[in-house]
Amino acid sequence: MTTAHPCLSCGACCASFRVDFSIEETQAHGGSVPDGLVVSVTEFTSRMRGTDHASPRCAALTGTVGEKAACGIYEWRPSPCREFEAGSDACIRARTRRHLPPLPEGFVA
């Protein structure tokens, strides 16, 4: 029996943190992150739309946090999202904010 990856029922990271990255990652500058999902922060930095709200929720997040969630631009997501590690301290903080338990002990992404 194959167990689904726990991130597919989570999404807490996408609804907990501000996501800033280089403008070079946006489509307008030759990258892959869709321009419609980013806001300009500085002349060098962009941010995922929705992640700077009081209750952050990335504009690319689909589904319901804690039930069934996915990234609508998974293949084109920015570097902070690519570098985020399931089970990390940041993951635990995000899950705690959303009243979700930590991932099972020994989980390796």
PDB file of N, CA and C in Angstrom:
ATOM      1  N   MET A   1       0.831  -1.174   0.000  1.00  0.00           N
ATOM      2  CA  MET A   1       0.000   0.000   0.000  1.00  0.00           C
ATOM      3  C   MET A   1       0.880   1.244   0.000  1.00  0.00           C
ATOM      4  N   THR A   2       0.635   2.163  -0.922  1.00  0.00           N
ATOM      5  CA  THR A   2       1.396   3.384  -1.022  1.00  0.00           C
ATOM      6  C   THR A   2       0.674   4.497  -0.268  1.00  0.00           C
ATOM      7  N   THR A   3       1.416   5.193   0.581  1.00  0.00           N
ATOM      8  CA  THR A   3       0.843   6.296   1.336  1.00  0.00           C
ATOM      9  C   THR A   3       1.125   7.582   0.580  1.00  0.00           C
ATOM     10  N   ALA A   4       0.125   8.447   0.464  1.00  0.00           N
ATOM     11  CA  ALA A   4       0.301   9.729  -0.220  1.00  0.00           C
ATOM     12  C   ALA A   4       1.304  10.594   0.544  1.00  0.00           C
ATOM     13  N   HIS A   5       2.036  11.385  -0.188  1.00  0.00           N
ATOM     14  CA  HIS A   5       2.996  12.298   0.433  1.00  0.00           C
ATOM     15  C   HIS A   5       2.227  13.236   1.364  1.00  0.00           C
ATOM     16  N   PRO A   6       2.700  13.446   2.598  1.00  0.00           N
ATOM     17  CA  PRO A   6       1.952  14.257   3.557  1.00  0.00           C
ATOM     18  C   PRO A   6       1.744  15.703   3.119  1.00  0.00           C
ATOM     19  N   CYS A   7       2.577  16.224   2.243  1.00  0.00           N
ATOM     20  CA  CYS A   7       2.399  17.598   1.774  1.00  0.00           C
ATOM     21  C   CYS A   7       1.103  17.748   0.976  1.00  0.00           C
ATOM     22  N   LEU A   8       0.620  16.651   0.393  1.00  0.00           N
ATOM     23  CA  LEU A   8      -0.595  16.710  -0.415  1.00  0.00           C
ATOM     24  C   LEU A   8      -1.858  16.851   0.429  1.00  0.00           C
ATOM     25  N   SER A   9      -1.724  16.685   1.729  1.00  0.00           N
ATOM     26  CA  SER A   9      -2.865  16.924   2.613  1.00  0.00           C
ATOM     27  C   SER A   9      -2.554  18.059   3.585  1.00  0.00           C
ATOM     28  N   CYS A  10      -1.522  18.845   3.290  1.00  0.00           N
ATOM     29  CA  CYS A  10      -1.089  19.874   4.226  1.00  0.00           C
ATOM     30  C   CYS A  10      -1.254  21.273   3.641  1.00  0.00           C
ATOM     31  N   GLY A  11      -0.214  21.805   3.009  1.00  0.00           N
ATOM     32  CA  GLY A  11      -0.254  23.156   2.462  1.00  0.00           C
ATOM     33  C   GLY A  11       0.008  24.241   3.485  1.00  0.00           C
ATOM     34  N   ALA A  12       0.360  23.864   4.706  1.00  0.00           N
ATOM     35  CA  ALA A  12       0.569  24.854   5.771  1.00  0.00           C
ATOM     36  C   ALA A  12       1.687  25.831   5.440  1.00  0.00           C
ATOM     37  N   CYS A  13       2.736  25.368   4.790  1.00  0.00           N
ATOM     38  CA  CYS A  13       3.846  26.269   4.451  1.00  0.00           C
ATOM     39  C   CYS A  13       3.385  27.355   3.486  1.00  0.00           C
ATOM     40  N   CYS A  14       2.458  27.028   2.611  1.00  0.00           N
ATOM     41  CA  CYS A  14       1.946  27.977   1.617  1.00  0.00           C
ATOM     42  C   CYS A  14       0.995  28.992   2.237  1.00  0.00           C
ATOM     43  N   ALA A  15       0.625  28.760   3.472  1.00  0.00           N
ATOM     44  CA  ALA A  15      -0.297  29.653   4.167  1.00  0.00           C
ATOM     45  C   ALA A  15       0.303  30.144   5.481  1.00  0.00           C
ATOM     46  N   SER A  16       1.657  30.235   5.500  1.00  0.00           N
ATOM     47  CA  SER A  16       2.323  30.654   6.731  1.00  0.00           C
ATOM     48  C   SER A  16       3.454  31.651   6.541  1.00  0.00           C
ATOM     49  N   PHE A  17       4.090  31.637   5.391  1.00  0.00           N
ATOM     50  CA  PHE A  17       5.317  32.416   5.223  1.00  0.00           C
ATOM     51  C   PHE A  17       5.252  33.362   4.028  1.00  0.00           C
ATOM     52  N   ARG A  18       5.982  34.467   4.126  1.00  0.00           N
ATOM     53  CA  ARG A  18       6.180  35.362   2.988  1.00  0.00           C
ATOM     54  C   ARG A  18       7.202  34.689   2.081  1.00  0.00           C
ATOM     55  N   VAL A  19       6.986  34.755   0.777  1.00  0.00           N
ATOM     56  CA  VAL A  19       7.874  34.089  -0.174  1.00  0.00           C
ATOM     57  C   VAL A  19       8.483  35.132  -1.110  1.00  0.00           C
ATOM     58  N   ASP A  20       9.726  35.523  -0.820  1.00  0.00           N
ATOM     59  CA  ASP A  20      10.473  36.482  -1.633  1.00  0.00           C
ATOM     60  C   ASP A  20      11.550  35.757  -2.423  1.00  0.00           C
ATOM     61  N   PHE A  21      11.831  36.258  -3.621  1.00  0.00           N
ATOM     62  CA  PHE A  21      12.834  35.638  -4.482  1.00  0.00           C
ATOM     63  C   PHE A  21      13.301  36.643  -5.526  1.00  0.00           C
ATOM     64  N   SER A  22      14.353  36.306  -6.228  1.00  0.00           N
ATOM     65  CA  SER A  22      14.926  37.179  -7.250  1.00  0.00           C
ATOM     66  C   SER A  22      13.967  37.376  -8.420  1.00  0.00           C
ATOM     67  N   ILE A  23      13.940  38.583  -8.971  1.00  0.00           N
ATOM     68  CA  ILE A  23      13.115  38.835 -10.147  1.00  0.00           C
ATOM     69  C   ILE A  23      13.548  37.968 -11.322  1.00  0.00           C
ATOM     70  N   GLU A  24      14.769  37.469 -11.277  1.00  0.00           N
ATOM     71  CA  GLU A  24      15.280  36.611 -12.353  1.00  0.00           C
ATOM     72  C   GLU A  24      14.475  35.318 -12.477  1.00  0.00           C
ATOM     73  N   GLU A  25      13.721  34.967 -11.430  1.00  0.00           N
ATOM     74  CA  GLU A  25      12.912  33.746 -11.455  1.00  0.00           C
ATOM     75  C   GLU A  25      11.544  33.960 -12.099  1.00  0.00           C
ATOM     76  N   THR A  26      11.190  35.221 -12.391  1.00  0.00           N
ATOM     77  CA  THR A  26       9.891  35.507 -12.991  1.00  0.00           C
ATOM     78  C   THR A  26       9.949  35.359 -14.510  1.00  0.00           C
ATOM     79  N   GLN A  27       8.812  35.094 -15.110  1.00  0.00           N
ATOM     80  CA  GLN A  27       8.748  34.947 -16.569  1.00  0.00           C
ATOM     81  C   GLN A  27       9.254  36.193 -17.278  1.00  0.00           C
ATOM     82  N   ALA A  28       8.943  37.362 -16.731  1.00  0.00           N
ATOM     83  CA  ALA A  28       9.358  38.614 -17.362  1.00  0.00           C
ATOM     84  C   ALA A  28      10.876  38.739 -17.485  1.00  0.00           C
ATOM     85  N   HIS A  29      11.588  38.008 -16.652  1.00  0.00           N
ATOM     86  CA  HIS A  29      13.051  38.075 -16.654  1.00  0.00           C
ATOM     87  C   HIS A  29      13.680  36.749 -17.064  1.00  0.00           C
ATOM     88  N   GLY A  30      12.932  35.913 -17.762  1.00  0.00           N
ATOM     89  CA  GLY A  30      13.487  34.659 -18.277  1.00  0.00           C
ATOM     90  C   GLY A  30      13.314  33.464 -17.366  1.00  0.00           C
ATOM     91  N   GLY A  31      12.673  33.634 -16.228  1.00  0.00           N
ATOM     92  CA  GLY A  31      12.445  32.530 -15.296  1.00  0.00           C
ATOM     93  C   GLY A  31      11.123  31.836 -15.585  1.00  0.00           C
ATOM     94  N   SER A  32      10.668  31.044 -14.639  1.00  0.00           N
ATOM     95  CA  SER A  32       9.467  30.248 -14.869  1.00  0.00           C
ATOM     96  C   SER A  32       8.267  30.619 -13.993  1.00  0.00           C
ATOM     97  N   VAL A  33       8.457  31.449 -12.968  1.00  0.00           N
ATOM     98  CA  VAL A  33       7.337  31.799 -12.088  1.00  0.00           C
ATOM     99  C   VAL A  33       6.401  32.748 -12.853  1.00  0.00           C
ATOM    100  N   PRO A  34       5.126  32.365 -12.995  1.00  0.00           N
ATOM    101  CA  PRO A  34       4.179  33.198 -13.755  1.00  0.00           C
ATOM    102  C   PRO A  34       4.066  34.617 -13.196  1.00  0.00           C
ATOM    103  N   ASP A  35       4.196  35.593 -14.079  1.00  0.00           N
ATOM    104  CA  ASP A  35       4.160  36.999 -13.682  1.00  0.00           C
ATOM    105  C   ASP A  35       2.873  37.391 -12.970  1.00  0.00           C
ATOM    106  N   GLY A  36       1.758  36.789 -13.320  1.00  0.00           N
ATOM    107  CA  GLY A  36       0.487  37.133 -12.706  1.00  0.00           C
ATOM    108  C   GLY A  36       0.390  36.730 -11.243  1.00  0.00           C
ATOM    109  N   LEU A  37       1.318  35.912 -10.776  1.00  0.00           N
ATOM    110  CA  LEU A  37       1.272  35.446  -9.392  1.00  0.00           C
ATOM    111  C   LEU A  37       2.318  36.119  -8.506  1.00  0.00           C
ATOM    112  N   VAL A  38       3.001  37.126  -9.044  1.00  0.00           N
ATOM    113  CA  VAL A  38       4.041  37.794  -8.266  1.00  0.00           C
ATOM    114  C   VAL A  38       3.760  39.281  -8.153  1.00  0.00           C
ATOM    115  N   VAL A  39       4.286  39.866  -7.092  1.00  0.00           N
ATOM    116  CA  VAL A  39       4.259  41.313  -6.914  1.00  0.00           C
ATOM    117  C   VAL A  39       5.699  41.778  -6.763  1.00  0.00           C
ATOM    118  N   SER A  40       5.955  42.964  -7.234  1.00  0.00           N
ATOM    119  CA  SER A  40       7.291  43.532  -7.137  1.00  0.00           C
ATOM    120  C   SER A  40       7.517  44.042  -5.717  1.00  0.00           C
ATOM    121  N   VAL A  41       8.711  43.770  -5.184  1.00  0.00           N
ATOM    122  CA  VAL A  41       9.076  44.256  -3.853  1.00  0.00           C
ATOM    123  C   VAL A  41      10.124  45.362  -4.006  1.00  0.00           C
ATOM    124  N   THR A  42      11.184  45.061  -4.738  1.00  0.00           N
ATOM    125  CA  THR A  42      12.221  46.043  -5.080  1.00  0.00           C
ATOM    126  C   THR A  42      12.570  45.823  -6.544  1.00  0.00           C
ATOM    127  N   GLU A  43      13.531  46.564  -7.040  1.00  0.00           N
ATOM    128  CA  GLU A  43      13.921  46.344  -8.430  1.00  0.00           C
ATOM    129  C   GLU A  43      14.608  44.993  -8.622  1.00  0.00           C
ATOM    130  N   PHE A  44      14.956  44.310  -7.546  1.00  0.00           N
ATOM    131  CA  PHE A  44      15.635  43.023  -7.633  1.00  0.00           C
ATOM    132  C   PHE A  44      14.845  41.858  -7.044  1.00  0.00           C
ATOM    133  N   THR A  45      13.767  42.157  -6.323  1.00  0.00           N
ATOM    134  CA  THR A  45      13.048  41.133  -5.572  1.00  0.00           C
ATOM    135  C   THR A  45      11.560  41.108  -5.912  1.00  0.00           C
ATOM    136  N   SER A  46      11.024  39.893  -6.008  1.00  0.00           N
ATOM    137  CA  SER A  46       9.590  39.675  -6.205  1.00  0.00           C
ATOM    138  C   SER A  46       9.064  38.852  -5.040  1.00  0.00           C
ATOM    139  N   ARG A  47       7.734  38.821  -4.918  1.00  0.00           N
ATOM    140  CA  ARG A  47       7.092  38.073  -3.833  1.00  0.00           C
ATOM    141  C   ARG A  47       5.881  37.354  -4.411  1.00  0.00           C
ATOM    142  N   MET A  48       5.640  36.147  -3.925  1.00  0.00           N
ATOM    143  CA  MET A  48       4.437  35.430  -4.343  1.00  0.00           C
ATOM    144  C   MET A  48       3.221  36.183  -3.824  1.00  0.00           C
ATOM    145  N   ARG A  49       2.296  36.428  -4.724  1.00  0.00           N
ATOM    146  CA  ARG A  49       1.072  37.167  -4.395  1.00  0.00           C
ATOM    147  C   ARG A  49       0.315  36.435  -3.277  1.00  0.00           C
ATOM    148  N   GLY A  50      -0.118  37.181  -2.282  1.00  0.00           N
ATOM    149  CA  GLY A  50      -0.892  36.637  -1.168  1.00  0.00           C
ATOM    150  C   GLY A  50      -0.070  36.268   0.044  1.00  0.00           C
ATOM    151  N   THR A  51       1.258  36.172  -0.113  1.00  0.00           N
ATOM    152  CA  THR A  51       2.068  35.727   1.031  1.00  0.00           C
ATOM    153  C   THR A  51       2.436  36.851   1.987  1.00  0.00           C
ATOM    154  N   ASP A  52       2.091  38.092   1.641  1.00  0.00           N
ATOM    155  CA  ASP A  52       2.397  39.192   2.557  1.00  0.00           C
ATOM    156  C   ASP A  52       1.161  39.704   3.283  1.00  0.00           C
ATOM    157  N   HIS A  53       0.071  38.974   3.211  1.00  0.00           N
ATOM    158  CA  HIS A  53      -1.152  39.350   3.922  1.00  0.00           C
ATOM    159  C   HIS A  53      -1.040  38.991   5.399  1.00  0.00           C
ATOM    160  N   ALA A  54      -1.889  39.582   6.222  1.00  0.00           N
ATOM    161  CA  ALA A  54      -1.895  39.280   7.656  1.00  0.00           C
ATOM    162  C   ALA A  54      -2.118  37.787   7.890  1.00  0.00           C
ATOM    163  N   SER A  55      -2.999  37.193   7.100  1.00  0.00           N
ATOM    164  CA  SER A  55      -3.181  35.740   7.097  1.00  0.00           C
ATOM    165  C   SER A  55      -2.698  35.259   5.732  1.00  0.00           C
ATOM    166  N   PRO A  56      -1.395  34.940   5.622  1.00  0.00           N
ATOM    167  CA  PRO A  56      -0.851  34.613   4.305  1.00  0.00           C
ATOM    168  C   PRO A  56      -1.487  33.382   3.675  1.00  0.00           C
ATOM    169  N   ARG A  57      -1.609  33.447   2.368  1.00  0.00           N
ATOM    170  CA  ARG A  57      -2.025  32.292   1.577  1.00  0.00           C
ATOM    171  C   ARG A  57      -1.526  32.550   0.163  1.00  0.00           C
ATOM    172  N   CYS A  58      -0.598  31.751  -0.275  1.00  0.00           N
ATOM    173  CA  CYS A  58      -0.025  31.917  -1.598  1.00  0.00           C
ATOM    174  C   CYS A  58      -1.115  31.792  -2.659  1.00  0.00           C
ATOM    175  N   ALA A  59      -1.062  32.663  -3.651  1.00  0.00           N
ATOM    176  CA  ALA A  59      -2.048  32.649  -4.734  1.00  0.00           C
ATOM    177  C   ALA A  59      -1.986  31.358  -5.546  1.00  0.00           C
ATOM    178  N   ALA A  60      -0.877  30.635  -5.473  1.00  0.00           N
ATOM    179  CA  ALA A  60      -0.739  29.387  -6.227  1.00  0.00           C
ATOM    180  C   ALA A  60      -1.264  28.170  -5.461  1.00  0.00           C
ATOM    181  N   LEU A  61      -1.595  28.345  -4.192  1.00  0.00           N
ATOM    182  CA  LEU A  61      -2.090  27.228  -3.382  1.00  0.00           C
ATOM    183  C   LEU A  61      -3.520  26.874  -3.782  1.00  0.00           C
ATOM    184  N   THR A  62      -3.751  25.620  -4.052  1.00  0.00           N
ATOM    185  CA  THR A  62      -5.100  25.145  -4.349  1.00  0.00           C
ATOM    186  C   THR A  62      -5.539  24.185  -3.251  1.00  0.00           C
ATOM    187  N   GLY A  63      -6.838  24.087  -3.054  1.00  0.00           N
ATOM    188  CA  GLY A  63      -7.362  23.155  -2.066  1.00  0.00           C
ATOM    189  C   GLY A  63      -7.504  23.773  -0.698  1.00  0.00           C
ATOM    190  N   THR A  64      -7.628  22.901   0.288  1.00  0.00           N
ATOM    191  CA  THR A  64      -7.861  23.298   1.671  1.00  0.00           C
ATOM    192  C   THR A  64      -6.691  22.865   2.534  1.00  0.00           C
ATOM    193  N   VAL A  65      -6.112  23.828   3.249  1.00  0.00           N
ATOM    194  CA  VAL A  65      -4.985  23.531   4.136  1.00  0.00           C
ATOM    195  C   VAL A  65      -5.404  22.487   5.159  1.00  0.00           C
ATOM    196  N   GLY A  66      -4.576  21.477   5.321  1.00  0.00           N
ATOM    197  CA  GLY A  66      -4.827  20.422   6.299  1.00  0.00           C
ATOM    198  C   GLY A  66      -5.702  19.294   5.802  1.00  0.00           C
ATOM    199  N   GLU A  67      -6.253  19.433   4.614  1.00  0.00           N
ATOM    200  CA  GLU A  67      -7.123  18.390   4.065  1.00  0.00           C
ATOM    201  C   GLU A  67      -6.583  17.857   2.743  1.00  0.00           C
ATOM    202  N   LYS A  68      -6.601  18.713   1.749  1.00  0.00           N
ATOM    203  CA  LYS A  68      -6.080  18.355   0.428  1.00  0.00           C
ATOM    204  C   LYS A  68      -5.562  19.638  -0.188  1.00  0.00           C
ATOM    205  N   ALA A  69      -4.264  19.723  -0.390  1.00  0.00           N
ATOM    206  CA  ALA A  69      -3.658  20.951  -0.883  1.00  0.00           C
ATOM    207  C   ALA A  69      -2.618  20.627  -1.939  1.00  0.00           C
ATOM    208  N   ALA A  70      -2.407  21.572  -2.829  1.00  0.00           N
ATOM    209  CA  ALA A  70      -1.400  21.396  -3.877  1.00  0.00           C
ATOM    210  C   ALA A  70      -0.949  22.760  -4.370  1.00  0.00           C
ATOM    211  N   CYS A  71       0.206  22.777  -4.994  1.00  0.00           N
ATOM    212  CA  CYS A  71       0.726  23.987  -5.613  1.00  0.00           C
ATOM    213  C   CYS A  71       0.278  24.002  -7.066  1.00  0.00           C
ATOM    214  N   GLY A  72      -0.424  25.049  -7.451  1.00  0.00           N
ATOM    215  CA  GLY A  72      -0.908  25.164  -8.816  1.00  0.00           C
ATOM    216  C   GLY A  72       0.186  25.419  -9.830  1.00  0.00           C
ATOM    217  N   ILE A  73       1.387  25.790  -9.361  1.00  0.00           N
ATOM    218  CA  ILE A  73       2.520  26.021 -10.263  1.00  0.00           C
ATOM    219  C   ILE A  73       3.736  25.205  -9.827  1.00  0.00           C
ATOM    220  N   TYR A  74       3.505  24.036  -9.296  1.00  0.00           N
ATOM    221  CA  TYR A  74       4.572  23.223  -8.703  1.00  0.00           C
ATOM    222  C   TYR A  74       5.832  23.170  -9.569  1.00  0.00           C
ATOM    223  N   GLU A  75       5.687  22.921 -10.848  1.00  0.00           N
ATOM    224  CA  GLU A  75       6.856  22.796 -11.732  1.00  0.00           C
ATOM    225  C   GLU A  75       7.552  24.134 -11.956  1.00  0.00           C
ATOM    226  N   TRP A  76       6.859  25.254 -11.694  1.00  0.00           N
ATOM    227  CA  TRP A  76       7.410  26.587 -11.934  1.00  0.00           C
ATOM    228  C   TRP A  76       7.585  27.380 -10.646  1.00  0.00           C
ATOM    229  N   ARG A  77       7.468  26.726  -9.491  1.00  0.00           N
ATOM    230  CA  ARG A  77       7.531  27.426  -8.204  1.00  0.00           C
ATOM    231  C   ARG A  77       8.915  28.058  -7.996  1.00  0.00           C
ATOM    232  N   PRO A  78       8.982  29.130  -7.197  1.00  0.00           N
ATOM    233  CA  PRO A  78      10.253  29.815  -6.964  1.00  0.00           C
ATOM    234  C   PRO A  78      11.176  29.039  -6.017  1.00  0.00           C
ATOM    235  N   SER A  79      12.419  29.475  -5.968  1.00  0.00           N
ATOM    236  CA  SER A  79      13.448  28.776  -5.192  1.00  0.00           C
ATOM    237  C   SER A  79      13.113  28.587  -3.714  1.00  0.00           C
ATOM    238  N   PRO A  80      12.516  29.574  -3.000  1.00  0.00           N
ATOM    239  CA  PRO A  80      12.225  29.305  -1.590  1.00  0.00           C
ATOM    240  C   PRO A  80      11.294  28.103  -1.414  1.00  0.00           C
ATOM    241  N   CYS A  81      10.388  27.918  -2.351  1.00  0.00           N
ATOM    242  CA  CYS A  81       9.467  26.777  -2.272  1.00  0.00           C
ATOM    243  C   CYS A  81      10.189  25.482  -2.620  1.00  0.00           C
ATOM    244  N   ARG A  82      11.088  25.543  -3.582  1.00  0.00           N
ATOM    245  CA  ARG A  82      11.869  24.358  -3.968  1.00  0.00           C
ATOM    246  C   ARG A  82      12.781  23.916  -2.824  1.00  0.00           C
ATOM    247  N   GLU A  83      13.266  24.884  -2.054  1.00  0.00           N
ATOM    248  CA  GLU A  83      14.219  24.597  -0.982  1.00  0.00           C
ATOM    249  C   GLU A  83      13.551  24.215   0.336  1.00  0.00           C
ATOM    250  N   PHE A  84      12.255  24.455   0.458  1.00  0.00           N
ATOM    251  CA  PHE A  84      11.539  24.153   1.701  1.00  0.00           C
ATOM    252  C   PHE A  84      11.524  22.649   1.931  1.00  0.00           C
ATOM    253  N   GLU A  85      11.852  22.216   3.136  1.00  0.00           N
ATOM    254  CA  GLU A  85      11.940  20.792   3.438  1.00  0.00           C
ATOM    255  C   GLU A  85      10.805  20.333   4.340  1.00  0.00           C
ATOM    256  N   ALA A  86      10.076  19.334   3.863  1.00  0.00           N
ATOM    257  CA  ALA A  86       9.036  18.706   4.681  1.00  0.00           C
ATOM    258  C   ALA A  86       9.695  18.114   5.918  1.00  0.00           C
ATOM    259  N   GLY A  87       9.114  18.383   7.079  1.00  0.00           N
ATOM    260  CA  GLY A  87       9.658  17.862   8.329  1.00  0.00           C
ATOM    261  C   GLY A  87      10.681  18.774   8.985  1.00  0.00           C
ATOM    262  N   SER A  88      11.072  19.857   8.309  1.00  0.00           N
ATOM    263  CA  SER A  88      12.047  20.789   8.878  1.00  0.00           C
ATOM    264  C   SER A  88      11.418  21.581  10.026  1.00  0.00           C
ATOM    265  N   ASP A  89      12.243  22.355  10.724  1.00  0.00           N
ATOM    266  CA  ASP A  89      11.722  23.206  11.804  1.00  0.00           C
ATOM    267  C   ASP A  89      10.671  24.177  11.265  1.00  0.00           C
ATOM    268  N   ALA A  90      10.907  24.729  10.079  1.00  0.00           N
ATOM    269  CA  ALA A  90       9.942  25.653   9.479  1.00  0.00           C
ATOM    270  C   ALA A  90       8.636  24.929   9.162  1.00  0.00           C
ATOM    271  N   CYS A  91       8.725  23.711   8.711  1.00  0.00           N
ATOM    272  CA  CYS A  91       7.542  22.887   8.422  1.00  0.00           C
ATOM    273  C   CYS A  91       6.753  22.665   9.713  1.00  0.00           C
ATOM    274  N   ILE A  92       7.444  22.317  10.767  1.00  0.00           N
ATOM    275  CA  ILE A  92       6.779  22.081  12.054  1.00  0.00           C
ATOM    276  C   ILE A  92       6.084  23.349  12.535  1.00  0.00           C
ATOM    277  N   ARG A  93       6.756  24.519  12.397  1.00  0.00           N
ATOM    278  CA  ARG A  93       6.143  25.789  12.803  1.00  0.00           C
ATOM    279  C   ARG A  93       4.882  26.063  11.986  1.00  0.00           C
ATOM    280  N   ALA A  94       4.961  25.847  10.676  1.00  0.00           N
ATOM    281  CA  ALA A  94       3.799  26.096   9.810  1.00  0.00           C
ATOM    282  C   ALA A  94       2.650  25.163  10.175  1.00  0.00           C
ATOM    283  N   ARG A  95       2.950  23.889  10.387  1.00  0.00           N
ATOM    284  CA  ARG A  95       1.907  22.930  10.744  1.00  0.00           C
ATOM    285  C   ARG A  95       1.292  23.277  12.100  1.00  0.00           C
ATOM    286  N   THR A  96       2.117  23.715  13.044  1.00  0.00           N
ATOM    287  CA  THR A  96       1.628  24.103  14.366  1.00  0.00           C
ATOM    288  C   THR A  96       0.676  25.294  14.262  1.00  0.00           C
ATOM    289  N   ARG A  97       1.028  26.282  13.430  1.00  0.00           N
ATOM    290  CA  ARG A  97       0.163  27.456  13.240  1.00  0.00           C
ATOM    291  C   ARG A  97      -1.210  27.053  12.724  1.00  0.00           C
ATOM    292  N   ARG A  98      -1.262  25.981  11.978  1.00  0.00           N
ATOM    293  CA  ARG A  98      -2.512  25.512  11.381  1.00  0.00           C
ATOM    294  C   ARG A  98      -3.143  24.378  12.189  1.00  0.00           C
ATOM    295  N   HIS A  99      -2.624  24.157  13.397  1.00  0.00           N
ATOM    296  CA  HIS A  99      -3.144  23.138  14.310  1.00  0.00           C
ATOM    297  C   HIS A  99      -3.056  21.732  13.708  1.00  0.00           C
ATOM    298  N   LEU A 100      -1.959  21.491  12.993  1.00  0.00           N
ATOM    299  CA  LEU A 100      -1.693  20.161  12.422  1.00  0.00           C
ATOM    300  C   LEU A 100      -0.556  19.525  13.195  1.00  0.00           C
ATOM    301  N   PRO A 101      -0.577  18.232  13.371  1.00  0.00           N
ATOM    302  CA  PRO A 101       0.511  17.577  14.097  1.00  0.00           C
ATOM    303  C   PRO A 101       1.782  17.555  13.262  1.00  0.00           C
ATOM    304  N   PRO A 102       2.936  17.404  13.905  1.00  0.00           N
ATOM    305  CA  PRO A 102       4.178  17.257  13.135  1.00  0.00           C
ATOM    306  C   PRO A 102       4.087  16.021  12.238  1.00  0.00           C
ATOM    307  N   LEU A 103       4.930  15.966  11.227  1.00  0.00           N
ATOM    308  CA  LEU A 103       4.956  14.792  10.365  1.00  0.00           C
ATOM    309  C   LEU A 103       5.423  13.595  11.192  1.00  0.00           C
ATOM    310  N   PRO A 104       5.089  12.388  10.763  1.00  0.00           N
ATOM    311  CA  PRO A 104       5.491  11.193  11.510  1.00  0.00           C
ATOM    312  C   PRO A 104       7.002  11.147  11.732  1.00  0.00           C
ATOM    313  N   GLU A 105       7.405  10.673  12.897  1.00  0.00           N
ATOM    314  CA  GLU A 105       8.812  10.550  13.213  1.00  0.00           C
ATOM    315  C   GLU A 105       9.498   9.679  12.173  1.00  0.00           C
ATOM    316  N   GLY A 106      10.660  10.105  11.748  1.00  0.00           N
ATOM    317  CA  GLY A 106      11.405   9.358  10.751  1.00  0.00           C
ATOM    318  C   GLY A 106      11.023   9.688   9.310  1.00  0.00           C
ATOM    319  N   PHE A 107      10.075  10.624   9.134  1.00  0.00           N
ATOM    320  CA  PHE A 107       9.672  11.000   7.770  1.00  0.00           C
ATOM    321  C   PHE A 107      10.859  11.613   7.050  1.00  0.00           C
ATOM    322  N   VAL A 108      11.099  11.170   5.855  1.00  0.00           N
ATOM    323  CA  VAL A 108      12.158  11.729   5.013  1.00  0.00           C
ATOM    324  C   VAL A 108      11.513  12.105   3.686  1.00  0.00           C
ATOM    325  N   ALA A 109      11.666  13.374   3.332  1.00  0.00           N
ATOM    326  CA  ALA A 109      11.067  13.858   2.064  1.00  0.00           C
ATOM    327  C   ALA A 109      11.819  13.325   0.877  1.00  0.00           C
TER     328      ALA A 109
END
